[in-house]
């Protein structure tokens, strides 16, 4: 139980929350650009993490990966162009649903 409290204390520091916010914004931007996948977004962020502490680096890379998967669905639903390879099925279902919602 003590280990979980220490981990929670490390995650809730202001620097970790700022890293999480910046990683989320960067990941959504990377994911919404067609042709850049989630893994490529993580690979592009690896040089940034060389001089960071390990916990902040893992927070940044995790935030970029998860939010880029979400960011890929933005262009898949609105433009029928999947931003990441994981959002191809979203483009097939989400775009017609978005168009049906704008007609009503």
Foldseek 3Di string as FASTA:
>chain_A
DVVVVVVVVVCPDPVNVVLLVVLLVQLLVQLQAAPRALVNSLVVCVVVCPPPPPVSNVSSSVNNNVNSLVSQLVCLQDVVGGSYPNCNVSNVPRNVVVVVVVVD
